[in-house]
Structures are given as C-alpha cells and as structure tokens.
C-alpha cells in the first residue's frame, strides 16, 4: 500500500548540483522543500576524497558508484490497491 506523506510546497527529485541549488533558493524564499535522492547515502568526505576517487578498479571497472539492478528496478501498478511489481525493460 502507498505511504501518504505530509503535504509540502515543493518536491525536488535529484539533489545533484542543480537540484541542490534550486532546493536552497526555494527554501530561502520561504517554501517548504523536500529533496528525494535515489540510492544509498554518500558521505562526501569518505566517498569522494582524492585518495578514493582515483581508484579506477573500484569506480570504473567495478562501477562502485552505480546502483545494482535489484536497486534500480522501477515498479508499476494501475491503481493504489494493486501490489507494485518490478518492471524491467
């Protein structure tokens, strides 16, 4: 079943460079903003410091920063009473 969350003024999907700026600007204007990001929590100091970012085997060959297929699955349902099932193309 769907989870109903409290209403908010703005939902920003993706808090990368542009999404973060937009969310901050809207919050500064007094709007209630929620940001949604997919994937695991990334700690900037630990995950993106210069010593680990240059690890080509970990990040390029093993795709450490990418989501696994089971985490990257979209779900589909035709109405709220149905169970959301995986849909892969």
PDB file of N, CA and C in Angstrom:
ATOM      1  N   UNK A   1       0.836  -1.183   0.000  1.00  0.00           N
ATOM      2  CA  UNK A   1       0.000   0.000   0.000  1.00  0.00           C
ATOM      3  C   UNK A   1       0.879   1.242   0.000  1.00  0.00           C
ATOM      4  N   UNK A   2       0.370   2.307  -0.572  1.00  0.00           N
ATOM      5  CA  UNK A   2       1.118   3.557  -0.638  1.00  0.00           C
ATOM      6  C   UNK A   2       1.283   4.178   0.735  1.00  0.00           C
ATOM      7  N   UNK A   3       2.384   4.869   0.916  1.00  0.00           N
ATOM      8  CA  UNK A   3       2.608   5.643   2.133  1.00  0.00           C
ATOM      9  C   UNK A   3       2.252   7.088   1.836  1.00  0.00           C
ATOM     10  N   UNK A   4       1.350   7.662   2.598  1.00  0.00           N
ATOM     11  CA  UNK A   4       0.990   9.070   2.413  1.00  0.00           C
ATOM     12  C   UNK A   4       1.852   9.917   3.322  1.00  0.00           C
ATOM     13  N   UNK A   5       2.538  10.860   2.735  1.00  0.00           N
ATOM     14  CA  UNK A   5       3.400  11.770   3.476  1.00  0.00           C
ATOM     15  C   UNK A   5       2.700  13.113   3.650  1.00  0.00           C
ATOM     16  N   UNK A   6       3.122  13.907   4.631  1.00  0.00           N
ATOM     17  CA  UNK A   6       2.527  15.237   4.808  1.00  0.00           C
ATOM     18  C   UNK A   6       2.736  16.100   3.556  1.00  0.00           C
ATOM     19  N   UNK A   7       1.785  16.982   3.297  1.00  0.00           N
ATOM     20  CA  UNK A   7       1.898  17.862   2.129  1.00  0.00           C
ATOM     21  C   UNK A   7       3.046  18.839   2.304  1.00  0.00           C
ATOM     22  N   UNK A   8       3.668  19.187   1.192  1.00  0.00           N
ATOM     23  CA  UNK A   8       4.760  20.150   1.172  1.00  0.00           C
ATOM     24  C   UNK A   8       4.585  21.046  -0.047  1.00  0.00           C
ATOM     25  N   UNK A   9       5.298  22.148  -0.085  1.00  0.00           N
ATOM     26  CA  UNK A   9       5.164  23.072  -1.214  1.00  0.00           C
ATOM     27  C   UNK A   9       5.863  22.558  -2.467  1.00  0.00           C
ATOM     28  N   UNK A  10       7.080  22.045  -2.299  1.00  0.00           N
ATOM     29  CA  UNK A  10       7.903  21.650  -3.449  1.00  0.00           C
ATOM     30  C   UNK A  10       8.628  20.344  -3.144  1.00  0.00           C
ATOM     31  N   UNK A  11       8.675  19.459  -4.144  1.00  0.00           N
ATOM     32  CA  UNK A  11       9.497  18.251  -4.059  1.00  0.00           C
ATOM     33  C   UNK A  11      10.535  18.335  -5.170  1.00  0.00           C
ATOM     34  N   UNK A  12      11.805  18.294  -4.801  1.00  0.00           N
ATOM     35  CA  UNK A  12      12.898  18.310  -5.773  1.00  0.00           C
ATOM     36  C   UNK A  12      13.400  16.879  -5.904  1.00  0.00           C
ATOM     37  N   UNK A  13      13.365  16.357  -7.123  1.00  0.00           N
ATOM     38  CA  UNK A  13      13.817  14.989  -7.365  1.00  0.00           C
ATOM     39  C   UNK A  13      15.223  15.048  -7.937  1.00  0.00           C
ATOM     40  N   UNK A  14      16.170  14.547  -7.171  1.00  0.00           N
ATOM     41  CA  UNK A  14      17.573  14.574  -7.571  1.00  0.00           C
ATOM     42  C   UNK A  14      18.269  15.784  -6.972  1.00  0.00           C
ATOM     43  N   UNK A  15      19.114  15.546  -5.986  1.00  0.00           N
ATOM     44  CA  UNK A  15      19.806  16.646  -5.316  1.00  0.00           C
ATOM     45  C   UNK A  15      21.261  16.729  -5.741  1.00  0.00           C
ATOM     46  N   UNK A  16      21.451  16.695  -7.038  1.00  0.00           N
ATOM     47  CA  UNK A  16      22.790  16.931  -7.570  1.00  0.00           C
ATOM     48  C   UNK A  16      23.085  18.418  -7.526  1.00  0.00           C
ATOM     49  N   UNK A  17      23.957  18.859  -8.395  1.00  0.00           N
ATOM     50  CA  UNK A  17      24.389  20.256  -8.392  1.00  0.00           C
ATOM     51  C   UNK A  17      23.202  21.204  -8.581  1.00  0.00           C
ATOM     52  N   UNK A  18      22.428  21.014  -9.625  1.00  0.00           N
ATOM     53  CA  UNK A  18      21.314  21.930  -9.918  1.00  0.00           C
ATOM     54  C   UNK A  18      20.159  21.766  -8.929  1.00  0.00           C
ATOM     55  N   UNK A  19      19.808  20.524  -8.594  1.00  0.00           N
ATOM     56  CA  UNK A  19      18.702  20.284  -7.672  1.00  0.00           C
ATOM     57  C   UNK A  19      18.944  20.887  -6.305  1.00  0.00           C
ATOM     58  N   UNK A  20      20.188  20.816  -5.834  1.00  0.00           N
ATOM     59  CA  UNK A  20      20.525  21.388  -4.527  1.00  0.00           C
ATOM     60  C   UNK A  20      20.393  22.903  -4.530  1.00  0.00           C
ATOM     61  N   UNK A  21      20.828  23.530  -5.610  1.00  0.00           N
ATOM     62  CA  UNK A  21      20.726  24.993  -5.714  1.00  0.00           C
ATOM     63  C   UNK A  21      19.259  25.419  -5.747  1.00  0.00           C
ATOM     64  N   UNK A  22      18.466  24.733  -6.556  1.00  0.00           N
ATOM     65  CA  UNK A  22      17.037  25.056  -6.646  1.00  0.00           C
ATOM     66  C   UNK A  22      16.355  24.880  -5.290  1.00  0.00           C
ATOM     67  N   UNK A  23      16.641  23.758  -4.617  1.00  0.00           N
ATOM     68  CA  UNK A  23      16.028  23.496  -3.306  1.00  0.00           C
ATOM     69  C   UNK A  23      16.403  24.581  -2.306  1.00  0.00           C
ATOM     70  N   UNK A  24      17.649  24.993  -2.312  1.00  0.00           N
ATOM     71  CA  UNK A  24      18.109  26.033  -1.391  1.00  0.00           C
ATOM     72  C   UNK A  24      17.440  27.376  -1.691  1.00  0.00           C
ATOM     73  N   UNK A  25      17.359  27.741  -2.954  1.00  0.00           N
ATOM     74  CA  UNK A  25      16.729  29.013  -3.339  1.00  0.00           C
ATOM     75  C   UNK A  25      15.247  29.038  -2.948  1.00  0.00           C
ATOM     76  N   UNK A  26      14.551  27.935  -3.190  1.00  0.00           N
ATOM     77  CA  UNK A  26      13.130  27.879  -2.842  1.00  0.00           C
ATOM     78  C   UNK A  26      12.922  27.930  -1.330  1.00  0.00           C
ATOM     79  N   UNK A  27      13.792  27.251  -0.588  1.00  0.00           N
ATOM     80  CA  UNK A  27      13.702  27.290   0.879  1.00  0.00           C
ATOM     81  C   UNK A  27      13.985  28.693   1.400  1.00  0.00           C
ATOM     82  N   UNK A  28      14.939  29.387   0.775  1.00  0.00           N
ATOM     83  CA  UNK A  28      15.238  30.768   1.168  1.00  0.00           C
ATOM     84  C   UNK A  28      14.044  31.692   0.946  1.00  0.00           C
ATOM     85  N   UNK A  29      13.199  31.352  -0.028  1.00  0.00           N
ATOM     86  CA  UNK A  29      12.005  32.155  -0.309  1.00  0.00           C
ATOM     87  C   UNK A  29      10.838  31.798   0.614  1.00  0.00           C
ATOM     88  N   UNK A  30      11.053  30.849   1.514  1.00  0.00           N
ATOM     89  CA  UNK A  30      10.028  30.517   2.494  1.00  0.00           C
ATOM     90  C   UNK A  30       9.174  29.308   2.163  1.00  0.00           C
ATOM     91  N   UNK A  31       9.483  28.613   1.077  1.00  0.00           N
ATOM     92  CA  UNK A  31       8.717  27.418   0.732  1.00  0.00           C
ATOM     93  C   UNK A  31       9.241  26.207   1.500  1.00  0.00           C
ATOM     94  N   UNK A  32       8.348  25.269   1.774  1.00  0.00           N
ATOM     95  CA  UNK A  32       8.760  24.018   2.414  1.00  0.00           C
ATOM     96  C   UNK A  32       9.201  23.059   1.316  1.00  0.00           C
ATOM     97  N   UNK A  33      10.454  22.640   1.361  1.00  0.00           N
ATOM     98  CA  UNK A  33      11.056  21.847   0.289  1.00  0.00           C
ATOM     99  C   UNK A  33      11.505  20.495   0.825  1.00  0.00           C
ATOM    100  N   UNK A  34      11.210  19.455   0.052  1.00  0.00           N
ATOM    101  CA  UNK A  34      11.709  18.112   0.343  1.00  0.00           C
ATOM    102  C   UNK A  34      12.511  17.661  -0.869  1.00  0.00           C
ATOM    103  N   UNK A  35      13.676  17.077  -0.624  1.00  0.00           N
ATOM    104  CA  UNK A  35      14.508  16.545  -1.700  1.00  0.00           C
ATOM    105  C   UNK A  35      14.514  15.031  -1.660  1.00  0.00           C
ATOM    106  N   UNK A  36      14.363  14.410  -2.825  1.00  0.00           N
ATOM    107  CA  UNK A  36      14.374  12.951  -2.926  1.00  0.00           C
ATOM    108  C   UNK A  36      15.571  12.541  -3.772  1.00  0.00           C
ATOM    109  N   UNK A  37      16.332  11.608  -3.249  1.00  0.00           N
ATOM    110  CA  UNK A  37      17.511  11.103  -3.947  1.00  0.00           C
ATOM    111  C   UNK A  37      17.450   9.587  -3.949  1.00  0.00           C
ATOM    112  N   UNK A  38      17.799   8.971  -5.048  1.00  0.00           N
ATOM    113  CA  UNK A  38      17.781   7.511  -5.129  1.00  0.00           C
ATOM    114  C   UNK A  38      19.169   6.960  -4.839  1.00  0.00           C
ATOM    115  N   UNK A  39      19.186   5.820  -4.211  1.00  0.00           N
ATOM    116  CA  UNK A  39      20.457   5.159  -3.937  1.00  0.00           C
ATOM    117  C   UNK A  39      20.891   5.314  -2.500  1.00  0.00           C
ATOM    118  N   UNK A  40      22.008   4.703  -2.174  1.00  0.00           N
ATOM    119  CA  UNK A  40      22.489   4.743  -0.794  1.00  0.00           C
ATOM    120  C   UNK A  40      23.033   6.116  -0.424  1.00  0.00           C
ATOM    121  N   UNK A  41      23.142   6.369   0.875  1.00  0.00           N
ATOM    122  CA  UNK A  41      23.713   7.617   1.366  1.00  0.00           C
ATOM    123  C   UNK A  41      25.181   7.684   0.980  1.00  0.00           C
ATOM    124  N   UNK A  42      25.611   8.817   0.450  1.00  0.00           N
ATOM    125  CA  UNK A  42      27.012   9.036   0.090  1.00  0.00           C
ATOM    126  C   UNK A  42      27.588  10.091   1.021  1.00  0.00           C
ATOM    127  N   UNK A  43      28.670   9.752   1.678  1.00  0.00           N
ATOM    128  CA  UNK A  43      29.365  10.683   2.555  1.00  0.00           C
ATOM    129  C   UNK A  43      30.482  11.339   1.751  1.00  0.00           C
ATOM    130  N   UNK A  44      30.384  12.634   1.534  1.00  0.00           N
ATOM    131  CA  UNK A  44      31.342  13.340   0.687  1.00  0.00           C
ATOM    132  C   UNK A  44      32.775  13.142   1.148  1.00  0.00           C
ATOM    133  N   UNK A  45      33.023  13.304   2.431  1.00  0.00           N
ATOM    134  CA  UNK A  45      34.397  13.200   2.938  1.00  0.00           C
ATOM    135  C   UNK A  45      34.967  11.799   2.738  1.00  0.00           C
ATOM    136  N   UNK A  46      34.150  10.786   2.904  1.00  0.00           N
ATOM    137  CA  UNK A  46      34.640   9.411   2.789  1.00  0.00           C
ATOM    138  C   UNK A  46      34.606   8.890   1.354  1.00  0.00           C
ATOM    139  N   UNK A  47      33.506   9.150   0.627  1.00  0.00           N
ATOM    140  CA  UNK A  47      33.319   8.545  -0.688  1.00  0.00           C
ATOM    141  C   UNK A  47      33.966   9.311  -1.832  1.00  0.00           C
ATOM    142  N   UNK A  48      34.241  10.590  -1.655  1.00  0.00           N
ATOM    143  CA  UNK A  48      34.729  11.388  -2.773  1.00  0.00           C
ATOM    144  C   UNK A  48      36.034  12.108  -2.479  1.00  0.00           C
ATOM    145  N   UNK A  49      36.793  11.641  -1.505  1.00  0.00           N
ATOM    146  CA  UNK A  49      38.080  12.301  -1.277  1.00  0.00           C
ATOM    147  C   UNK A  49      39.061  11.868  -2.358  1.00  0.00           C
ATOM    148  N   UNK A  50      40.106  12.631  -2.558  1.00  0.00           N
ATOM    149  CA  UNK A  50      41.014  12.426  -3.685  1.00  0.00           C
ATOM    150  C   UNK A  50      41.698  11.061  -3.647  1.00  0.00           C
ATOM    151  N   UNK A  51      41.859  10.482  -2.467  1.00  0.00           N
ATOM    152  CA  UNK A  51      42.503   9.178  -2.370  1.00  0.00           C
ATOM    153  C   UNK A  51      41.659   8.033  -2.903  1.00  0.00           C
ATOM    154  N   UNK A  52      40.335   8.121  -2.788  1.00  0.00           N
ATOM    155  CA  UNK A  52      39.487   7.022  -3.256  1.00  0.00           C
ATOM    156  C   UNK A  52      38.903   7.269  -4.636  1.00  0.00           C
ATOM    157  N   UNK A  53      38.715   8.513  -5.027  1.00  0.00           N
ATOM    158  CA  UNK A  53      38.132   8.798  -6.336  1.00  0.00           C
ATOM    159  C   UNK A  53      39.047   8.315  -7.451  1.00  0.00           C
ATOM    160  N   UNK A  54      40.340   8.293  -7.210  1.00  0.00           N
ATOM    161  CA  UNK A  54      41.283   7.869  -8.246  1.00  0.00           C
ATOM    162  C   UNK A  54      41.433   6.349  -8.318  1.00  0.00           C
ATOM    163  N   UNK A  55      40.657   5.604  -7.538  1.00  0.00           N
ATOM    164  CA  UNK A  55      40.698   4.145  -7.563  1.00  0.00           C
ATOM    165  C   UNK A  55      39.918   3.655  -8.783  1.00  0.00           C
ATOM    166  N   UNK A  56      40.618   3.509  -9.913  1.00  0.00           N
ATOM    167  CA  UNK A  56      39.969   3.173 -11.180  1.00  0.00           C
ATOM    168  C   UNK A  56      39.292   1.803 -11.143  1.00  0.00           C
ATOM    169  N   UNK A  57      39.924   0.834 -10.515  1.00  0.00           N
ATOM    170  CA  UNK A  57      39.331  -0.507 -10.449  1.00  0.00           C
ATOM    171  C   UNK A  57      37.996  -0.472  -9.708  1.00  0.00           C
ATOM    172  N   UNK A  58      37.963   0.246  -8.581  1.00  0.00           N
ATOM    173  CA  UNK A  58      36.746   0.299  -7.758  1.00  0.00           C
ATOM    174  C   UNK A  58      35.612   1.060  -8.439  1.00  0.00           C
ATOM    175  N   UNK A  59      35.912   2.221  -9.007  1.00  0.00           N
ATOM    176  CA  UNK A  59      34.848   3.084  -9.511  1.00  0.00           C
ATOM    177  C   UNK A  59      34.556   2.929 -10.997  1.00  0.00           C
ATOM    178  N   UNK A  60      35.556   2.614 -11.807  1.00  0.00           N
ATOM    179  CA  UNK A  60      35.321   2.497 -13.249  1.00  0.00           C
ATOM    180  C   UNK A  60      34.995   1.057 -13.631  1.00  0.00           C
ATOM    181  N   UNK A  61      35.844   0.132 -13.259  1.00  0.00           N
ATOM    182  CA  UNK A  61      35.663  -1.257 -13.663  1.00  0.00           C
ATOM    183  C   UNK A  61      34.558  -1.956 -12.857  1.00  0.00           C
ATOM    184  N   UNK A  62      34.512  -1.740 -11.564  1.00  0.00           N
ATOM    185  CA  UNK A  62      33.516  -2.410 -10.717  1.00  0.00           C
ATOM    186  C   UNK A  62      32.238  -1.596 -10.553  1.00  0.00           C
ATOM    187  N   UNK A  63      32.233  -0.374 -11.081  1.00  0.00           N
ATOM    188  CA  UNK A  63      31.065   0.518 -11.030  1.00  0.00           C
ATOM    189  C   UNK A  63      30.527   0.667  -9.612  1.00  0.00           C
ATOM    190  N   UNK A  64      31.403   0.960  -8.676  1.00  0.00           N
ATOM    191  CA  UNK A  64      31.049   1.066  -7.259  1.00  0.00           C
ATOM    192  C   UNK A  64      29.981   2.134  -6.994  1.00  0.00           C
ATOM    193  N   UNK A  65      29.975   3.220  -7.775  1.00  0.00           N
ATOM    194  CA  UNK A  65      29.009   4.297  -7.540  1.00  0.00           C
ATOM    195  C   UNK A  65      27.656   4.043  -8.201  1.00  0.00           C
ATOM    196  N   UNK A  66      27.555   2.991  -9.014  1.00  0.00           N
ATOM    197  CA  UNK A  66      26.304   2.693  -9.709  1.00  0.00           C
ATOM    198  C   UNK A  66      25.404   1.812  -8.844  1.00  0.00           C
ATOM    199  N   UNK A  67      24.111   1.926  -9.056  1.00  0.00           N
ATOM    200  CA  UNK A  67      23.158   1.064  -8.356  1.00  0.00           C
ATOM    201  C   UNK A  67      23.118  -0.311  -9.012  1.00  0.00           C
ATOM    202  N   UNK A  68      22.973  -1.334  -8.214  1.00  0.00           N
ATOM    203  CA  UNK A  68      22.813  -2.692  -8.727  1.00  0.00           C
ATOM    204  C   UNK A  68      21.422  -2.818  -9.342  1.00  0.00           C
ATOM    205  N   UNK A  69      21.254  -3.788 -10.235  1.00  0.00           N
ATOM    206  CA  UNK A  69      19.981  -3.954 -10.945  1.00  0.00           C
ATOM    207  C   UNK A  69      18.809  -4.100  -9.989  1.00  0.00           C
ATOM    208  N   UNK A  70      18.981  -4.850  -8.914  1.00  0.00           N
ATOM    209  CA  UNK A  70      17.868  -5.043  -7.977  1.00  0.00           C
ATOM    210  C   UNK A  70      17.492  -3.760  -7.256  1.00  0.00           C
ATOM    211  N   UNK A  71      18.417  -2.778  -7.187  1.00  0.00           N
ATOM    212  CA  UNK A  71      18.114  -1.493  -6.565  1.00  0.00           C
ATOM    213  C   UNK A  71      17.588  -0.497  -7.589  1.00  0.00           C
ATOM    214  N   UNK A  72      17.788  -0.777  -8.857  1.00  0.00           N
ATOM    215  CA  UNK A  72      17.471   0.152  -9.926  1.00  0.00           C
ATOM    216  C   UNK A  72      16.164  -0.214 -10.628  1.00  0.00           C
ATOM    217  N   UNK A  73      15.339  -1.023 -10.009  1.00  0.00           N
ATOM    218  CA  UNK A  73      14.110  -1.506 -10.616  1.00  0.00           C
ATOM    219  C   UNK A  73      12.969  -0.518 -10.393  1.00  0.00           C
ATOM    220  N   UNK A  74      12.240  -0.232 -11.450  1.00  0.00           N
ATOM    221  CA  UNK A  74      11.024   0.579 -11.338  1.00  0.00           C
ATOM    222  C   UNK A  74       9.855  -0.359 -11.065  1.00  0.00           C
ATOM    223  N   UNK A  75       8.890   0.106 -10.314  1.00  0.00           N
ATOM    224  CA  UNK A  75       7.703  -0.699 -10.060  1.00  0.00           C
ATOM    225  C   UNK A  75       6.502  -0.063 -10.735  1.00  0.00           C
ATOM    226  N   UNK A  76       5.512  -0.892 -11.028  1.00  0.00           N
ATOM    227  CA  UNK A  76       4.344  -0.435 -11.774  1.00  0.00           C
ATOM    228  C   UNK A  76       3.080  -0.988 -11.138  1.00  0.00           C
ATOM    229  N   UNK A  77       2.056  -0.164 -11.066  1.00  0.00           N
ATOM    230  CA  UNK A  77       0.713  -0.608 -10.687  1.00  0.00           C
ATOM    231  C   UNK A  77      -0.285   0.317 -11.359  1.00  0.00           C
ATOM    232  N   UNK A  78      -1.475  -0.191 -11.623  1.00  0.00           N
ATOM    233  CA  UNK A  78      -2.503   0.578 -12.319  1.00  0.00           C
ATOM    234  C   UNK A  78      -3.387   1.386 -11.385  1.00  0.00           C
ATOM    235  N   UNK A  79      -3.454   0.979 -10.116  1.00  0.00           N
ATOM    236  CA  UNK A  79      -4.223   1.729  -9.134  1.00  0.00           C
ATOM    237  C   UNK A  79      -3.646   1.447  -7.752  1.00  0.00           C
ATOM    238  N   UNK A  80      -3.965   2.271  -6.759  1.00  0.00           N
ATOM    239  CA  UNK A  80      -3.351   2.138  -5.433  1.00  0.00           C
ATOM    240  C   UNK A  80      -3.626   0.821  -4.717  1.00  0.00           C
ATOM    241  N   UNK A  81      -4.669   0.092  -5.101  1.00  0.00           N
ATOM    242  CA  UNK A  81      -4.979  -1.160  -4.407  1.00  0.00           C
ATOM    243  C   UNK A  81      -4.123  -2.330  -4.881  1.00  0.00           C
ATOM    244  N   UNK A  82      -3.466  -2.195  -6.020  1.00  0.00           N
ATOM    245  CA  UNK A  82      -2.618  -3.268  -6.529  1.00  0.00           C
ATOM    246  C   UNK A  82      -1.255  -3.265  -5.842  1.00  0.00           C
ATOM    247  N   UNK A  83      -0.587  -4.407  -5.897  1.00  0.00           N
ATOM    248  CA  UNK A  83       0.782  -4.511  -5.408  1.00  0.00           C
ATOM    249  C   UNK A  83       1.714  -4.010  -6.498  1.00  0.00           C
ATOM    250  N   UNK A  84       2.670  -3.158  -6.139  1.00  0.00           N
ATOM    251  CA  UNK A  84       3.633  -2.653  -7.112  1.00  0.00           C
ATOM    252  C   UNK A  84       4.615  -3.765  -7.461  1.00  0.00           C
ATOM    253  N   UNK A  85       4.692  -4.115  -8.742  1.00  0.00           N
ATOM    254  CA  UNK A  85       5.562  -5.192  -9.205  1.00  0.00           C
ATOM    255  C   UNK A  85       6.708  -4.629 -10.034  1.00  0.00           C
ATOM    256  N   UNK A  86       7.856  -5.316 -10.047  1.00  0.00           N
ATOM    257  CA  UNK A  86       9.007  -4.828 -10.813  1.00  0.00           C
ATOM    258  C   UNK A  86       8.716  -4.806 -12.306  1.00  0.00           C
ATOM    259  N   UNK A  87       9.224  -3.788 -12.964  1.00  0.00           N
ATOM    260  CA  UNK A  87       9.088  -3.664 -14.409  1.00  0.00           C
ATOM    261  C   UNK A  87      10.473  -3.363 -14.965  1.00  0.00           C
ATOM    262  N   UNK A  88      10.993  -4.242 -15.761  1.00  0.00           N
ATOM    263  CA  UNK A  88      12.315  -4.031 -16.362  1.00  0.00           C
ATOM    264  C   UNK A  88      12.182  -4.065 -17.866  1.00  0.00           C
ATOM    265  N   UNK A  89      12.954  -3.229 -18.520  1.00  0.00           N
ATOM    266  CA  UNK A  89      12.905  -3.198 -19.984  1.00  0.00           C
ATOM    267  C   UNK A  89      14.062  -3.936 -20.577  1.00  0.00           C
TER     268      UNK A  89
END
